[in-house]
PDB file of N, CA and C in Angstrom:
ATOM      1  N   MET A   1     -14.506 -29.032 -66.618  1.00  0.00           N
ATOM      2  CA  MET A   1     -14.361 -29.676 -65.339  1.00  0.00           C
ATOM      3  C   MET A   1     -15.698 -29.575 -64.600  1.00  0.00           C
ATOM      4  N   ARG A   2     -16.068 -30.626 -63.937  1.00  0.00           N
ATOM      5  CA  ARG A   2     -17.333 -30.680 -63.192  1.00  0.00           C
ATOM      6  C   ARG A   2     -17.205 -29.947 -61.849  1.00  0.00           C
ATOM      7  N   VAL A   3     -18.283 -29.279 -61.428  1.00  0.00           N
ATOM      8  CA  VAL A   3     -18.323 -28.573 -60.149  1.00  0.00           C
ATOM      9  C   VAL A   3     -19.265 -29.321 -59.207  1.00  0.00           C
ATOM     10  N   VAL A   4     -18.765 -29.637 -58.003  1.00  0.00           N
ATOM     11  CA  VAL A   4     -19.567 -30.332 -56.991  1.00  0.00           C
ATOM     12  C   VAL A   4     -19.564 -29.496 -55.718  1.00  0.00           C
ATOM     13  N   TRP A   5     -20.743 -29.188 -55.215  1.00  0.00           N
ATOM     14  CA  TRP A   5     -20.893 -28.407 -53.983  1.00  0.00           C
ATOM     15  C   TRP A   5     -21.020 -29.358 -52.808  1.00  0.00           C
ATOM     16  N   SER A   6     -20.274 -29.125 -51.745  1.00  0.00           N
ATOM     17  CA  SER A   6     -20.416 -29.919 -50.524  1.00  0.00           C
ATOM     18  C   SER A   6     -21.711 -29.520 -49.817  1.00  0.00           C
ATOM     19  N   PRO A   7     -22.252 -30.422 -48.997  1.00  0.00           N
ATOM     20  CA  PRO A   7     -23.435 -30.051 -48.218  1.00  0.00           C
ATOM     21  C   PRO A   7     -23.184 -28.814 -47.341  1.00  0.00           C
ATOM     22  N   LEU A   8     -21.992 -28.700 -46.762  1.00  0.00           N
ATOM     23  CA  LEU A   8     -21.663 -27.537 -45.931  1.00  0.00           C
ATOM     24  C   LEU A   8     -21.714 -26.250 -46.742  1.00  0.00           C
ATOM     25  N   ALA A   9     -21.130 -26.255 -47.937  1.00  0.00           N
ATOM     26  CA  ALA A   9     -21.120 -25.057 -48.777  1.00  0.00           C
ATOM     27  C   ALA A   9     -22.541 -24.648 -49.163  1.00  0.00           C
ATOM     28  N   LEU A  10     -23.366 -25.620 -49.532  1.00  0.00           N
ATOM     29  CA  LEU A  10     -24.755 -25.313 -49.893  1.00  0.00           C
ATOM     30  C   LEU A  10     -25.538 -24.786 -48.696  1.00  0.00           C
ATOM     31  N   GLU A  11     -25.279 -25.347 -47.528  1.00  0.00           N
ATOM     32  CA  GLU A  11     -25.936 -24.871 -46.311  1.00  0.00           C
ATOM     33  C   GLU A  11     -25.551 -23.425 -46.016  1.00  0.00           C
ATOM     34  N   ARG A  12     -24.266 -23.110 -46.198  1.00  0.00           N
ATOM     35  CA  ARG A  12     -23.808 -21.740 -45.962  1.00  0.00           C
ATOM     36  C   ARG A  12     -24.463 -20.765 -46.946  1.00  0.00           C
ATOM     37  N   VAL A  13     -24.538 -21.152 -48.212  1.00  0.00           N
ATOM     38  CA  VAL A  13     -25.168 -20.289 -49.215  1.00  0.00           C
ATOM     39  C   VAL A  13     -26.630 -20.053 -48.840  1.00  0.00           C
ATOM     40  N   GLU A  14     -27.319 -21.100 -48.446  1.00  0.00           N
ATOM     41  CA  GLU A  14     -28.724 -20.963 -48.050  1.00  0.00           C
ATOM     42  C   GLU A  14     -28.879 -20.045 -46.835  1.00  0.00           C
ATOM     43  N   ASP A  15     -28.039 -20.221 -45.836  1.00  0.00           N
ATOM     44  CA  ASP A  15     -28.107 -19.383 -44.632  1.00  0.00           C
ATOM     45  C   ASP A  15     -27.863 -17.909 -44.961  1.00  0.00           C
ATOM     46  N   ILE A  16     -26.858 -17.662 -45.785  1.00  0.00           N
ATOM     47  CA  ILE A  16     -26.528 -16.278 -46.151  1.00  0.00           C
ATOM     48  C   ILE A  16     -27.661 -15.667 -46.968  1.00  0.00           C
ATOM     49  N   ALA A  17     -28.206 -16.436 -47.903  1.00  0.00           N
ATOM     50  CA  ALA A  17     -29.309 -15.936 -48.728  1.00  0.00           C
ATOM     51  C   ALA A  17     -30.532 -15.617 -47.870  1.00  0.00           C
ATOM     52  N   GLN A  18     -30.827 -16.461 -46.889  1.00  0.00           N
ATOM     53  CA  GLN A  18     -31.962 -16.196 -46.007  1.00  0.00           C
ATOM     54  C   GLN A  18     -31.745 -14.911 -45.209  1.00  0.00           C
ATOM     55  N   TYR A  19     -30.522 -14.703 -44.765  1.00  0.00           N
ATOM     56  CA  TYR A  19     -30.208 -13.483 -44.020  1.00  0.00           C
ATOM     57  C   TYR A  19     -30.394 -12.242 -44.902  1.00  0.00           C
ATOM     58  N   ILE A  20     -29.881 -12.307 -46.136  1.00  0.00           N
ATOM     59  CA  ILE A  20     -30.021 -11.181 -47.069  1.00  0.00           C
ATOM     60  C   ILE A  20     -31.495 -10.936 -47.379  1.00  0.00           C
ATOM     61  N   ALA A  21     -32.260 -12.021 -47.528  1.00  0.00           N
ATOM     62  CA  ALA A  21     -33.681 -11.921 -47.900  1.00  0.00           C
ATOM     63  C   ALA A  21     -34.526 -11.258 -46.823  1.00  0.00           C
ATOM     64  N   GLU A  22     -34.055 -11.258 -45.588  1.00  0.00           N
ATOM     65  CA  GLU A  22     -34.812 -10.599 -44.520  1.00  0.00           C
ATOM     66  C   GLU A  22     -35.011  -9.115 -44.829  1.00  0.00           C
ATOM     67  N   ASP A  23     -34.025  -8.504 -45.467  1.00  0.00           N
ATOM     68  CA  ASP A  23     -34.127  -7.094 -45.831  1.00  0.00           C
ATOM     69  C   ASP A  23     -34.623  -6.888 -47.257  1.00  0.00           C
ATOM     70  N   LYS A  24     -34.134  -7.749 -48.164  1.00  0.00           N
ATOM     71  CA  LYS A  24     -34.483  -7.548 -49.574  1.00  0.00           C
ATOM     72  C   LYS A  24     -34.410  -8.881 -50.324  1.00  0.00           C
ATOM     73  N   PRO A  25     -35.542  -9.539 -50.505  1.00  0.00           N
ATOM     74  CA  PRO A  25     -35.550 -10.841 -51.174  1.00  0.00           C
ATOM     75  C   PRO A  25     -34.921 -10.831 -52.564  1.00  0.00           C
ATOM     76  N   SER A  26     -35.129  -9.780 -53.322  1.00  0.00           N
ATOM     77  CA  SER A  26     -34.559  -9.732 -54.675  1.00  0.00           C
ATOM     78  C   SER A  26     -33.026  -9.687 -54.629  1.00  0.00           C
ATOM     79  N   ALA A  27     -32.478  -9.051 -53.612  1.00  0.00           N
ATOM     80  CA  ALA A  27     -31.019  -9.019 -53.461  1.00  0.00           C
ATOM     81  C   ALA A  27     -30.478 -10.403 -53.132  1.00  0.00           C
ATOM     82  N   ALA A  28     -31.230 -11.177 -52.375  1.00  0.00           N
ATOM     83  CA  ALA A  28     -30.809 -12.540 -52.048  1.00  0.00           C
ATOM     84  C   ALA A  28     -30.750 -13.398 -53.306  1.00  0.00           C
ATOM     85  N   VAL A  29     -31.759 -13.284 -54.150  1.00  0.00           N
ATOM     86  CA  VAL A  29     -31.777 -14.045 -55.403  1.00  0.00           C
ATOM     87  C   VAL A  29     -30.585 -13.644 -56.270  1.00  0.00           C
ATOM     88  N   GLU A  30     -30.346 -12.358 -56.373  1.00  0.00           N
ATOM     89  CA  GLU A  30     -29.216 -11.855 -57.169  1.00  0.00           C
ATOM     90  C   GLU A  30     -27.888 -12.365 -56.608  1.00  0.00           C
ATOM     91  N   TRP A  31     -27.759 -12.382 -55.279  1.00  0.00           N
ATOM     92  CA  TRP A  31     -26.529 -12.849 -54.631  1.00  0.00           C
ATOM     93  C   TRP A  31     -26.286 -14.335 -54.930  1.00  0.00           C
ATOM     94  N   VAL A  32     -27.332 -15.148 -54.811  1.00  0.00           N
ATOM     95  CA  VAL A  32     -27.198 -16.586 -55.077  1.00  0.00           C
ATOM     96  C   VAL A  32     -26.817 -16.817 -56.540  1.00  0.00           C
ATOM     97  N   GLU A  33     -27.470 -16.140 -57.455  1.00  0.00           N
ATOM     98  CA  GLU A  33     -27.124 -16.279 -58.875  1.00  0.00           C
ATOM     99  C   GLU A  33     -25.669 -15.888 -59.117  1.00  0.00           C
ATOM    100  N   GLY A  34     -25.241 -14.810 -58.486  1.00  0.00           N
ATOM    101  CA  GLY A  34     -23.867 -14.345 -58.656  1.00  0.00           C
ATOM    102  C   GLY A  34     -22.839 -15.321 -58.127  1.00  0.00           C
ATOM    103  N   ILE A  35     -23.110 -15.913 -56.968  1.00  0.00           N
ATOM    104  CA  ILE A  35     -22.138 -16.842 -56.396  1.00  0.00           C
ATOM    105  C   ILE A  35     -22.043 -18.110 -57.240  1.00  0.00           C
ATOM    106  N   PHE A  36     -23.187 -18.601 -57.747  1.00  0.00           N
ATOM    107  CA  PHE A  36     -23.147 -19.781 -58.605  1.00  0.00           C
ATOM    108  C   PHE A  36     -22.460 -19.478 -59.932  1.00  0.00           C
ATOM    109  N   ASP A  37     -22.676 -18.299 -60.494  1.00  0.00           N
ATOM    110  CA  ASP A  37     -21.977 -17.908 -61.727  1.00  0.00           C
ATOM    111  C   ASP A  37     -20.470 -17.843 -61.507  1.00  0.00           C
ATOM    112  N   THR A  38     -20.064 -17.278 -60.375  1.00  0.00           N
ATOM    113  CA  THR A  38     -18.639 -17.175 -60.055  1.00  0.00           C
ATOM    114  C   THR A  38     -18.003 -18.558 -59.969  1.00  0.00           C
ATOM    115  N   VAL A  39     -18.671 -19.469 -59.301  1.00  0.00           N
ATOM    116  CA  VAL A  39     -18.132 -20.824 -59.146  1.00  0.00           C
ATOM    117  C   VAL A  39     -18.106 -21.564 -60.483  1.00  0.00           C
ATOM    118  N   GLU A  40     -19.119 -21.382 -61.301  1.00  0.00           N
ATOM    119  CA  GLU A  40     -19.151 -22.074 -62.592  1.00  0.00           C
ATOM    120  C   GLU A  40     -17.951 -21.693 -63.467  1.00  0.00           C
ATOM    121  N   ARG A  41     -17.452 -20.466 -63.343  1.00  0.00           N
ATOM    122  CA  ARG A  41     -16.278 -20.045 -64.117  1.00  0.00           C
ATOM    123  C   ARG A  41     -15.040 -20.844 -63.745  1.00  0.00           C
ATOM    124  N   LEU A  42     -15.028 -21.377 -62.525  1.00  0.00           N
ATOM    125  CA  LEU A  42     -13.885 -22.189 -62.090  1.00  0.00           C
ATOM    126  C   LEU A  42     -13.759 -23.473 -62.898  1.00  0.00           C
ATOM    127  N   ALA A  43     -14.844 -23.937 -63.485  1.00  0.00           N
ATOM    128  CA  ALA A  43     -14.792 -25.153 -64.289  1.00  0.00           C
ATOM    129  C   ALA A  43     -13.797 -25.005 -65.444  1.00  0.00           C
ATOM    130  N   ASP A  44     -13.690 -23.806 -65.989  1.00  0.00           N
ATOM    131  CA  ASP A  44     -12.747 -23.548 -67.084  1.00  0.00           C
ATOM    132  C   ASP A  44     -11.388 -23.067 -66.591  1.00  0.00           C
ATOM    133  N   PHE A  45     -11.359 -22.464 -65.425  1.00  0.00           N
ATOM    134  CA  PHE A  45     -10.115 -21.885 -64.897  1.00  0.00           C
ATOM    135  C   PHE A  45      -9.924 -22.272 -63.426  1.00  0.00           C
ATOM    136  N   PRO A  46      -9.700 -23.562 -63.143  1.00  0.00           N
ATOM    137  CA  PRO A  46      -9.641 -24.011 -61.741  1.00  0.00           C
ATOM    138  C   PRO A  46      -8.496 -23.411 -60.930  1.00  0.00           C
ATOM    139  N   GLU A  47      -7.439 -22.984 -61.570  1.00  0.00           N
ATOM    140  CA  GLU A  47      -6.313 -22.409 -60.842  1.00  0.00           C
ATOM    141  C   GLU A  47      -6.395 -20.891 -60.731  1.00  0.00           C
ATOM    142  N   SER A  48      -7.544 -20.320 -61.110  1.00  0.00           N
ATOM    143  CA  SER A  48      -7.675 -18.861 -61.083  1.00  0.00           C
ATOM    144  C   SER A  48      -7.800 -18.307 -59.668  1.00  0.00           C
ATOM    145  N   GLY A  49      -8.233 -19.119 -58.725  1.00  0.00           N
ATOM    146  CA  GLY A  49      -8.328 -18.666 -57.341  1.00  0.00           C
ATOM    147  C   GLY A  49      -6.955 -18.651 -56.687  1.00  0.00           C
ATOM    148  N   ARG A  50      -6.853 -17.870 -55.626  1.00  0.00           N
ATOM    149  CA  ARG A  50      -5.570 -17.817 -54.924  1.00  0.00           C
ATOM    150  C   ARG A  50      -5.469 -18.973 -53.937  1.00  0.00           C
ATOM    151  N   ILE A  51      -4.253 -19.328 -53.609  1.00  0.00           N
ATOM    152  CA  ILE A  51      -4.008 -20.347 -52.597  1.00  0.00           C
ATOM    153  C   ILE A  51      -4.477 -19.802 -51.254  1.00  0.00           C
ATOM    154  N   VAL A  52      -5.197 -20.606 -50.505  1.00  0.00           N
ATOM    155  CA  VAL A  52      -5.722 -20.175 -49.205  1.00  0.00           C
ATOM    156  C   VAL A  52      -4.554 -20.022 -48.231  1.00  0.00           C
ATOM    157  N   PRO A  53      -4.338 -18.825 -47.700  1.00  0.00           N
ATOM    158  CA  PRO A  53      -3.177 -18.584 -46.829  1.00  0.00           C
ATOM    159  C   PRO A  53      -3.110 -19.507 -45.616  1.00  0.00           C
ATOM    160  N   GLU A  54      -4.257 -19.812 -45.008  1.00  0.00           N
ATOM    161  CA  GLU A  54      -4.260 -20.658 -43.825  1.00  0.00           C
ATOM    162  C   GLU A  54      -3.854 -22.100 -44.113  1.00  0.00           C
ATOM    163  N   VAL A  55      -4.022 -22.532 -45.359  1.00  0.00           N
ATOM    164  CA  VAL A  55      -3.767 -23.924 -45.724  1.00  0.00           C
ATOM    165  C   VAL A  55      -2.414 -24.069 -46.412  1.00  0.00           C
ATOM    166  N   GLY A  56      -2.170 -23.247 -47.429  1.00  0.00           N
ATOM    167  CA  GLY A  56      -0.886 -23.260 -48.117  1.00  0.00           C
ATOM    168  C   GLY A  56      -0.749 -24.280 -49.224  1.00  0.00           C
ATOM    169  N   GLY A  57      -1.610 -25.282 -49.292  1.00  0.00           N
ATOM    170  CA  GLY A  57      -1.518 -26.282 -50.355  1.00  0.00           C
ATOM    171  C   GLY A  57      -2.029 -25.739 -51.666  1.00  0.00           C
ATOM    172  N   ARG A  58      -1.468 -26.221 -52.762  1.00  0.00           N
ATOM    173  CA  ARG A  58      -1.837 -25.699 -54.084  1.00  0.00           C
ATOM    174  C   ARG A  58      -3.239 -26.106 -54.525  1.00  0.00           C
ATOM    175  N   ARG A  59      -3.773 -27.207 -53.997  1.00  0.00           N
ATOM    176  CA  ARG A  59      -5.100 -27.664 -54.426  1.00  0.00           C
ATOM    177  C   ARG A  59      -6.243 -26.950 -53.719  1.00  0.00           C
ATOM    178  N   ILE A  60      -6.017 -26.388 -52.545  1.00  0.00           N
ATOM    179  CA  ILE A  60      -7.078 -25.673 -51.817  1.00  0.00           C
ATOM    180  C   ILE A  60      -6.939 -24.191 -52.153  1.00  0.00           C
ATOM    181  N   ARG A  61      -7.966 -23.660 -52.792  1.00  0.00           N
ATOM    182  CA  ARG A  61      -7.928 -22.281 -53.276  1.00  0.00           C
ATOM    183  C   ARG A  61      -9.197 -21.547 -52.882  1.00  0.00           C
ATOM    184  N   GLU A  62      -9.203 -20.264 -53.164  1.00  0.00           N
ATOM    185  CA  GLU A  62     -10.392 -19.469 -52.881  1.00  0.00           C
ATOM    186  C   GLU A  62     -10.565 -18.392 -53.935  1.00  0.00           C
ATOM    187  N   VAL A  63     -11.819 -18.044 -54.149  1.00  0.00           N
ATOM    188  CA  VAL A  63     -12.153 -16.864 -54.935  1.00  0.00           C
ATOM    189  C   VAL A  63     -13.007 -15.987 -54.032  1.00  0.00           C
ATOM    190  N   ILE A  64     -12.908 -14.721 -54.247  1.00  0.00           N
ATOM    191  CA  ILE A  64     -13.657 -13.759 -53.453  1.00  0.00           C
ATOM    192  C   ILE A  64     -14.887 -13.327 -54.236  1.00  0.00           C
ATOM    193  N   PHE A  65     -16.011 -13.343 -53.559  1.00  0.00           N
ATOM    194  CA  PHE A  65     -17.265 -12.874 -54.148  1.00  0.00           C
ATOM    195  C   PHE A  65     -17.855 -11.867 -53.171  1.00  0.00           C
ATOM    196  N   GLY A  66     -17.742 -10.604 -53.487  1.00  0.00           N
ATOM    197  CA  GLY A  66     -18.191  -9.558 -52.575  1.00  0.00           C
ATOM    198  C   GLY A  66     -17.395  -9.633 -51.286  1.00  0.00           C
ATOM    199  N   THR A  67     -18.073  -9.847 -50.184  1.00  0.00           N
ATOM    200  CA  THR A  67     -17.392  -9.965 -48.888  1.00  0.00           C
ATOM    201  C   THR A  67     -17.291 -11.422 -48.444  1.00  0.00           C
ATOM    202  N   TYR A  68     -17.368 -12.351 -49.383  1.00  0.00           N
ATOM    203  CA  TYR A  68     -17.342 -13.779 -49.065  1.00  0.00           C
ATOM    204  C   TYR A  68     -16.183 -14.492 -49.736  1.00  0.00           C
ATOM    205  N   ARG A  69     -15.678 -15.496 -49.057  1.00  0.00           N
ATOM    206  CA  ARG A  69     -14.628 -16.372 -49.578  1.00  0.00           C
ATOM    207  C   ARG A  69     -15.283 -17.688 -49.988  1.00  0.00           C
ATOM    208  N   ILE A  70     -15.045 -18.103 -51.204  1.00  0.00           N
ATOM    209  CA  ILE A  70     -15.515 -19.396 -51.680  1.00  0.00           C
ATOM    210  C   ILE A  70     -14.284 -20.301 -51.704  1.00  0.00           C
ATOM    211  N   ILE A  71     -14.247 -21.278 -50.803  1.00  0.00           N
ATOM    212  CA  ILE A  71     -13.093 -22.163 -50.656  1.00  0.00           C
ATOM    213  C   ILE A  71     -13.370 -23.433 -51.450  1.00  0.00           C
ATOM    214  N   TYR A  72     -12.418 -23.832 -52.287  1.00  0.00           N
ATOM    215  CA  TYR A  72     -12.613 -25.020 -53.119  1.00  0.00           C
ATOM    216  C   TYR A  72     -11.303 -25.772 -53.285  1.00  0.00           C
ATOM    217  N   SER A  73     -11.436 -27.018 -53.710  1.00  0.00           N
ATOM    218  CA  SER A  73     -10.265 -27.813 -54.083  1.00  0.00           C
ATOM    219  C   SER A  73     -10.514 -28.353 -55.483  1.00  0.00           C
ATOM    220  N   PHE A  74      -9.457 -28.792 -56.116  1.00  0.00           N
ATOM    221  CA  PHE A  74      -9.655 -29.386 -57.444  1.00  0.00           C
ATOM    222  C   PHE A  74      -8.635 -30.478 -57.712  1.00  0.00           C
ATOM    223  N   THR A  75      -9.114 -31.491 -58.372  1.00  0.00           N
ATOM    224  CA  THR A  75      -8.297 -32.577 -58.939  1.00  0.00           C
ATOM    225  C   THR A  75      -8.913 -32.836 -60.300  1.00  0.00           C
ATOM    226  N   GLU A  76      -9.762 -33.862 -60.397  1.00  0.00           N
ATOM    227  CA  GLU A  76     -10.499 -34.094 -61.654  1.00  0.00           C
ATOM    228  C   GLU A  76     -11.791 -33.286 -61.695  1.00  0.00           C
ATOM    229  N   GLN A  77     -12.160 -32.698 -60.567  1.00  0.00           N
ATOM    230  CA  GLN A  77     -13.364 -31.875 -60.498  1.00  0.00           C
ATOM    231  C   GLN A  77     -13.129 -30.745 -59.502  1.00  0.00           C
ATOM    232  N   ILE A  78     -14.008 -29.757 -59.534  1.00  0.00           N
ATOM    233  CA  ILE A  78     -13.986 -28.663 -58.563  1.00  0.00           C
ATOM    234  C   ILE A  78     -14.893 -29.068 -57.413  1.00  0.00           C
ATOM    235  N   ASP A  79     -14.371 -29.084 -56.205  1.00  0.00           N
ATOM    236  CA  ASP A  79     -15.163 -29.368 -55.016  1.00  0.00           C
ATOM    237  C   ASP A  79     -15.271 -28.091 -54.199  1.00  0.00           C
ATOM    238  N   VAL A  80     -16.470 -27.504 -54.157  1.00  0.00           N
ATOM    239  CA  VAL A  80     -16.689 -26.310 -53.346  1.00  0.00           C
ATOM    240  C   VAL A  80     -16.848 -26.792 -51.912  1.00  0.00           C
ATOM    241  N   LEU A  81     -15.921 -26.382 -51.046  1.00  0.00           N
ATOM    242  CA  LEU A  81     -15.867 -26.896 -49.685  1.00  0.00           C
ATOM    243  C   LEU A  81     -16.689 -26.076 -48.702  1.00  0.00           C
ATOM    244  N   THR A  82     -16.586 -24.754 -48.808  1.00  0.00           N
ATOM    245  CA  THR A  82     -17.314 -23.887 -47.883  1.00  0.00           C
ATOM    246  C   THR A  82     -17.378 -22.472 -48.427  1.00  0.00           C
ATOM    247  N   VAL A  83     -18.247 -21.684 -47.836  1.00  0.00           N
ATOM    248  CA  VAL A  83     -18.375 -20.255 -48.144  1.00  0.00           C
ATOM    249  C   VAL A  83     -18.358 -19.545 -46.798  1.00  0.00           C
ATOM    250  N   ARG A  84     -17.512 -18.526 -46.673  1.00  0.00           N
ATOM    251  CA  ARG A  84     -17.365 -17.799 -45.403  1.00  0.00           C
ATOM    252  C   ARG A  84     -17.255 -16.308 -45.671  1.00  0.00           C
ATOM    253  N   ARG A  85     -17.670 -15.531 -44.700  1.00  0.00           N
ATOM    254  CA  ARG A  85     -17.417 -14.091 -44.787  1.00  0.00           C
ATOM    255  C   ARG A  85     -15.906 -13.891 -44.771  1.00  0.00           C
ATOM    256  N   SER A  86     -15.442 -12.908 -45.474  1.00  0.00           N
ATOM    257  CA  SER A  86     -13.999 -12.634 -45.542  1.00  0.00           C
ATOM    258  C   SER A  86     -13.409 -12.354 -44.174  1.00  0.00           C
ATOM    259  N   SER A  87     -14.204 -11.816 -43.273  1.00  0.00           N
ATOM    260  CA  SER A  87     -13.704 -11.468 -41.944  1.00  0.00           C
ATOM    261  C   SER A  87     -13.614 -12.680 -41.009  1.00  0.00           C
ATOM    262  N   GLN A  88     -14.181 -13.813 -41.407  1.00  0.00           N
ATOM    263  CA  GLN A  88     -14.155 -15.006 -40.563  1.00  0.00           C
ATOM    264  C   GLN A  88     -12.915 -15.850 -40.845  1.00  0.00           C
ATOM    265  N   LEU A  89     -12.342 -16.390 -39.782  1.00  0.00           N
ATOM    266  CA  LEU A  89     -11.224 -17.304 -39.948  1.00  0.00           C
ATOM    267  C   LEU A  89     -11.732 -18.636 -40.479  1.00  0.00           C
ATOM    268  N   LEU A  90     -10.933 -19.256 -41.319  1.00  0.00           N
ATOM    269  CA  LEU A  90     -11.272 -20.560 -41.861  1.00  0.00           C
ATOM    270  C   LEU A  90     -10.997 -21.627 -40.811  1.00  0.00           C
ATOM    271  N   ARG A  91     -11.950 -22.498 -40.593  1.00  0.00           N
ATOM    272  CA  ARG A  91     -11.753 -23.633 -39.692  1.00  0.00           C
ATOM    273  C   ARG A  91     -11.259 -24.808 -40.525  1.00  0.00           C
ATOM    274  N   MET A  92     -10.165 -25.393 -40.116  1.00  0.00           N
ATOM    275  CA  MET A  92      -9.507 -26.423 -40.931  1.00  0.00           C
ATOM    276  C   MET A  92     -10.401 -27.628 -41.201  1.00  0.00           C
ATOM    277  N   HIS A  93     -11.328 -27.954 -40.314  1.00  0.00           N
ATOM    278  CA  HIS A  93     -12.203 -29.103 -40.581  1.00  0.00           C
ATOM    279  C   HIS A  93     -13.112 -28.848 -41.786  1.00  0.00           C
ATOM    280  N   GLU A  94     -13.260 -27.596 -42.178  1.00  0.00           N
ATOM    281  CA  GLU A  94     -14.105 -27.285 -43.329  1.00  0.00           C
ATOM    282  C   GLU A  94     -13.434 -27.638 -44.655  1.00  0.00           C
ATOM    283  N   VAL A  95     -12.133 -27.801 -44.650  1.00  0.00           N
ATOM    284  CA  VAL A  95     -11.443 -28.180 -45.887  1.00  0.00           C
ATOM    285  C   VAL A  95     -11.090 -29.652 -45.888  1.00  0.00           C
ATOM    286  N   GLY A  96     -11.526 -30.393 -44.878  1.00  0.00           N
ATOM    287  CA  GLY A  96     -11.320 -31.830 -44.826  1.00  0.00           C
ATOM    288  C   GLY A  96      -9.972 -32.200 -44.232  1.00  0.00           C
ATOM    289  N   ASP A  97      -9.822 -33.469 -43.999  1.00  0.00           N
ATOM    290  CA  ASP A  97      -8.588 -33.989 -43.399  1.00  0.00           C
ATOM    291  C   ASP A  97      -7.599 -34.457 -44.437  1.00  0.00           C
ATOM    292  N   GLU A  98      -7.934 -34.261 -45.709  1.00  0.00           N
ATOM    293  CA  GLU A  98      -7.062 -34.737 -46.774  1.00  0.00           C
ATOM    294  C   GLU A  98      -5.766 -33.945 -46.839  1.00  0.00           C
ATOM    295  N   GLU A  99      -4.784 -34.538 -47.436  1.00  0.00           N
ATOM    296  CA  GLU A  99      -3.496 -33.853 -47.612  1.00  0.00           C
ATOM    297  C   GLU A  99      -3.660 -32.757 -48.634  1.00  0.00           C
ATOM    298  N   THR A 100      -3.142 -31.560 -48.319  1.00  0.00           N
ATOM    299  CA  THR A 100      -3.256 -30.433 -49.232  1.00  0.00           C
ATOM    300  C   THR A 100      -1.994 -30.354 -50.025  1.00  0.00           C
TER     301      THR A 100
END
């Protein structure tokens, strides 16, 4: 299954990596590699993530990477919608207006 990152998700990854790099650039590189590796595994196992509690629909799921939530949907492809700290509430506009 193909993986497609939304502009919002890529922006979040970049922002988080820049923040991590302020203290330790090598840790930022490692974090980015890890998050992309985690998402790539979804191509083979799209239903491996849990259903997002705030949404409840079976197509919107999340996987946890460290202290971050990777929110995605899937049909014929994996669409990475956003990346958020686990402590942050999900804003519904980040998962789109589509029916879940």
